[in-house]
Amino acid sequence: MLPLLLMVYILGCAAQSGPSIKGNSTGLQSDWIWNQLTCWEGETKPKQIGQINSRWHTKGITKYELRGEGVGSIFKVHPDNGKISAYRELDREVKARYKLEGLVINIKSNKQVGLSTNFSIHVLDLNDNAPIFTKDPFNGTVPEMSDRGTSVLTVSAHDPDDPTVGKHTNVTYKILNDKKNFFIEQM
């Protein structure tokens, strides 16, 4: 019983710290192996973003192919080594994730060998967008002789960048002039 527990523990650690292993294999060996595939938005082209690897691939006999969103126009795979590159600049605010399928194809018969695999390429966000105000301009009025602390207007803005990446989507406000008579009350 102890060796089985130890084996489960070792496999569990490898799965957590190593590459993602996917596929439809019934044994311990997987059909496909790849690391998480990501690409920063705004990267200049071409940029290698990762690699897929299949136990079905044999150099000179088979080749890697991709199917799915952006294949051919944005993403290409090297047929011999499975290295995936992005050939166009990506924008996370336009599309944050691309769904693709990896295949191994016999070079002579042009038929699929083994099982295919589905994976995603995630576009990582840069702080490339300014906050957008909900109105432009905001106008406020103050009745003459108003008490100090009278609310003049409420402004709001949002940042279209990814809020889970750093703190670059936090919107802050400041008064540029007449700071003596006006202040910002944080909500």
Protein backbone atom coordinates (compact mmCIF):
# COMPACT_ATOMS: atom_id res chain seq x y z
CA MET A 1 0.00 0.00 0.00
CA LEU A 2 2.84 2.45 0.76
CA PRO A 3 4.43 2.33 -2.75
CA LEU A 4 1.05 3.14 -4.34
CA LEU A 5 0.57 6.18 -2.09
CA LEU A 6 4.10 7.37 -2.87
CA MET A 7 3.50 6.98 -6.62
CA VAL A 8 0.26 8.99 -6.44
CA TYR A 9 2.05 11.72 -4.50
CA ILE A 10 4.89 11.96 -7.03
CA LEU A 11 2.49 12.09 -9.98
CA GLY A 12 0.46 14.75 -8.16
CA CYS A 13 3.54 16.95 -7.66
CA ALA A 14 4.66 16.52 -11.24
CA ALA A 15 1.25 17.49 -12.56
CA GLN A 16 1.18 20.63 -10.40
CA SER A 17 4.67 21.91 -11.18
CA GLY A 18 5.27 20.50 -14.66
CA PRO A 19 3.64 21.04 -18.04
CA SER A 20 -0.07 20.56 -18.60
CA ILE A 21 -0.73 17.06 -19.87
CA LYS A 22 -3.81 16.57 -21.99
CA GLY A 23 -5.22 13.94 -24.30
CA ASN A 24 -7.35 10.85 -24.28
CA SER A 25 -4.82 8.23 -23.24
CA THR A 26 -5.89 5.30 -21.11
CA GLY A 27 -2.38 4.67 -19.75
CA LEU A 28 -0.09 6.87 -17.71
CA GLN A 29 1.65 8.18 -20.85
CA SER A 30 -0.27 11.04 -22.44
CA ASP A 31 -0.77 11.56 -26.17
CA TRP A 32 0.04 15.30 -25.96
CA ILE A 33 2.18 17.56 -23.78
CA TRP A 34 2.37 21.36 -23.77
CA ASN A 35 2.95 24.22 -21.36
CA GLN A 36 0.34 26.94 -20.91
CA LEU A 37 0.33 28.93 -24.14
CA THR A 38 0.23 32.71 -23.72
CA CYS A 39 1.18 35.76 -25.73
CA TRP A 40 1.45 39.39 -24.59
CA GLU A 41 -0.74 41.77 -26.53
CA GLY A 42 1.22 44.22 -28.64
CA GLU A 43 4.14 41.81 -29.26
CA THR A 44 5.88 42.39 -32.56
CA LYS A 45 5.75 39.56 -35.01
CA PRO A 46 6.78 36.78 -35.35
CA LYS A 47 7.00 35.63 -31.75
CA GLN A 48 7.33 32.03 -30.55
CA ILE A 49 4.74 31.47 -27.83
CA GLY A 50 5.04 27.79 -27.03
CA GLN A 51 5.29 24.25 -28.28
CA ILE A 52 3.06 21.21 -28.58
CA ASN A 53 4.45 17.70 -28.48
CA SER A 54 2.73 14.42 -29.35
CA ARG A 55 3.93 10.88 -28.89
CA TRP A 56 2.38 10.20 -32.32
CA HIS A 57 4.84 12.49 -34.11
CA THR A 58 7.86 11.01 -35.93
CA LYS A 59 10.10 13.50 -37.70
CA GLY A 60 10.15 12.87 -41.46
CA ILE A 61 7.04 10.68 -41.33
CA THR A 62 4.46 12.95 -39.72
CA LYS A 63 3.96 16.69 -39.29
CA TYR A 64 2.18 18.95 -36.81
CA GLU A 65 -0.86 20.94 -37.96
CA LEU A 66 -3.20 23.40 -36.28
CA ARG A 67 -6.89 24.09 -36.78
CA GLY A 68 -9.04 26.76 -35.22
CA GLU A 69 -9.25 30.47 -34.58
CA GLY A 70 -6.50 32.48 -36.24
CA VAL A 71 -4.62 29.51 -37.69
CA GLY A 72 -2.66 30.52 -40.78
CA SER A 73 -3.29 34.24 -40.39
CA ILE A 74 -2.16 34.71 -36.76
CA PHE A 75 -0.79 31.39 -35.49
CA LYS A 76 1.43 28.88 -37.27
CA VAL A 77 3.05 25.68 -36.08
CA HIS A 78 6.42 24.40 -37.26
CA PRO A 79 5.58 21.03 -38.86
CA ASP A 80 8.68 19.23 -37.50
CA ASN A 81 9.02 20.46 -33.92
CA GLY A 82 5.55 21.73 -32.90
CA LYS A 83 6.75 25.25 -32.02
CA ILE A 84 3.84 27.70 -32.26
CA SER A 85 4.42 31.32 -33.25
CA ALA A 86 2.21 34.39 -33.48
CA TYR A 87 2.66 36.31 -36.73
CA ARG A 88 0.39 39.27 -36.01
CA GLU A 89 0.03 41.71 -33.16
CA LEU A 90 -2.73 40.67 -30.74
CA ASP A 91 -5.08 42.89 -28.74
CA ARG A 92 -6.63 41.41 -25.57
CA GLU A 93 -9.49 43.91 -25.61
CA VAL A 94 -10.49 42.58 -29.07
CA LYS A 95 -9.98 38.85 -28.27
CA ALA A 96 -8.60 37.43 -25.03
CA ARG A 97 -8.46 33.72 -25.93
CA TYR A 98 -8.04 31.65 -29.07
CA LYS A 99 -9.25 28.02 -29.21
CA LEU A 100 -7.11 25.71 -31.33
CA GLU A 101 -6.71 22.04 -32.14
CA GLY A 102 -3.36 20.30 -32.59
CA LEU A 103 -3.04 17.33 -34.94
CA VAL A 104 -0.38 14.94 -36.20
CA ILE A 105 -0.70 14.23 -39.93
CA ASN A 106 1.04 11.51 -41.96
CA ILE A 107 3.07 13.31 -44.63
CA LYS A 108 2.48 10.68 -47.37
CA SER A 109 -1.21 9.85 -46.83
CA ASN A 110 -2.19 13.29 -45.43
CA LYS A 111 -4.33 11.45 -42.84
CA GLN A 112 -4.49 12.13 -39.12
CA VAL A 113 -2.36 9.91 -36.88
CA GLY A 114 -3.53 9.31 -33.31
CA LEU A 115 -5.76 11.62 -31.35
CA SER A 116 -5.95 15.39 -31.73
CA THR A 117 -5.86 17.78 -28.78
CA ASN A 118 -7.71 21.00 -27.98
CA PHE A 119 -5.98 23.91 -26.27
CA SER A 120 -6.22 27.67 -25.84
CA ILE A 121 -3.81 30.53 -26.35
CA HIS A 122 -4.43 33.29 -23.81
CA VAL A 123 -3.59 36.90 -24.67
CA LEU A 124 -1.98 38.66 -21.71
CA ASP A 125 -2.91 42.26 -21.04
CA LEU A 126 -0.74 45.38 -21.08
CA ASN A 127 -1.75 48.73 -19.64
CA ASP A 128 -2.53 50.10 -23.09
CA ASN A 129 -5.88 51.79 -22.54
CA ALA A 130 -6.73 55.07 -20.84
CA PRO A 131 -9.77 55.21 -18.58
CA ILE A 132 -13.01 56.10 -20.35
CA PHE A 133 -15.34 58.59 -18.68
CA THR A 134 -19.05 57.76 -18.71
CA LYS A 135 -19.82 61.36 -19.81
CA ASP A 136 -17.81 63.94 -21.69
CA PRO A 137 -17.81 66.53 -20.32
CA PHE A 138 -19.15 66.38 -16.76
CA ASN A 139 -20.86 69.62 -15.76
CA GLY A 140 -21.71 70.67 -12.23
CA THR A 141 -23.13 73.76 -10.62
CA VAL A 142 -22.92 75.13 -7.10
CA PRO A 143 -25.60 77.42 -5.72
CA GLU A 144 -24.13 80.65 -4.36
CA MET A 145 -23.38 80.62 -0.61
CA SER A 146 -23.43 76.78 -0.46
CA ASP A 147 -22.02 75.16 2.67
CA ARG A 148 -18.55 73.66 2.58
CA GLY A 149 -18.83 69.98 1.62
CA THR A 150 -21.85 70.43 -0.69
CA SER A 151 -21.71 67.83 -3.45
CA VAL A 152 -21.20 69.43 -6.85
CA LEU A 153 -21.12 66.41 -9.16
CA THR A 154 -20.20 62.75 -9.35
CA VAL A 155 -17.79 61.55 -12.03
CA SER A 156 -17.05 58.00 -13.07
CA ALA A 157 -14.75 56.20 -15.49
CA HIS A 158 -13.74 52.63 -16.26
CA ASP A 159 -10.57 51.11 -17.68
CA PRO A 160 -11.03 48.41 -20.37
CA ASP A 161 -7.72 46.68 -19.45
CA ASP A 162 -7.79 43.36 -17.58
CA PRO A 163 -8.44 44.02 -13.87
CA THR A 164 -6.74 40.76 -12.86
CA VAL A 165 -3.33 41.94 -14.14
CA GLY A 166 -1.63 44.28 -11.68
CA LYS A 167 -3.29 47.45 -10.51
CA HIS A 168 -3.29 49.29 -13.81
CA THR A 169 -7.09 49.33 -14.05
CA ASN A 170 -7.49 51.32 -10.81
CA VAL A 171 -8.88 54.71 -11.77
CA THR A 172 -7.82 57.70 -9.65
CA TYR A 173 -9.02 61.29 -9.87
CA LYS A 174 -7.46 64.66 -9.08
CA ILE A 175 -8.43 68.30 -9.32
CA LEU A 176 -6.10 70.23 -11.59
CA ASN A 177 -7.00 73.78 -10.54
CA ASP A 178 -8.99 75.62 -7.82
CA LYS A 179 -7.93 73.03 -5.23
CA LYS A 180 -8.62 75.63 -2.53
CA ASN A 181 -12.41 75.57 -3.04
CA PHE A 182 -13.01 71.99 -4.19
CA PHE A 183 -11.98 68.51 -3.05
CA ILE A 184 -12.63 64.92 -4.10
CA GLU A 185 -14.54 62.67 -1.76
CA GLN A 186 -13.54 59.05 -2.33
CA MET A 187 -16.41 56.57 -2.51
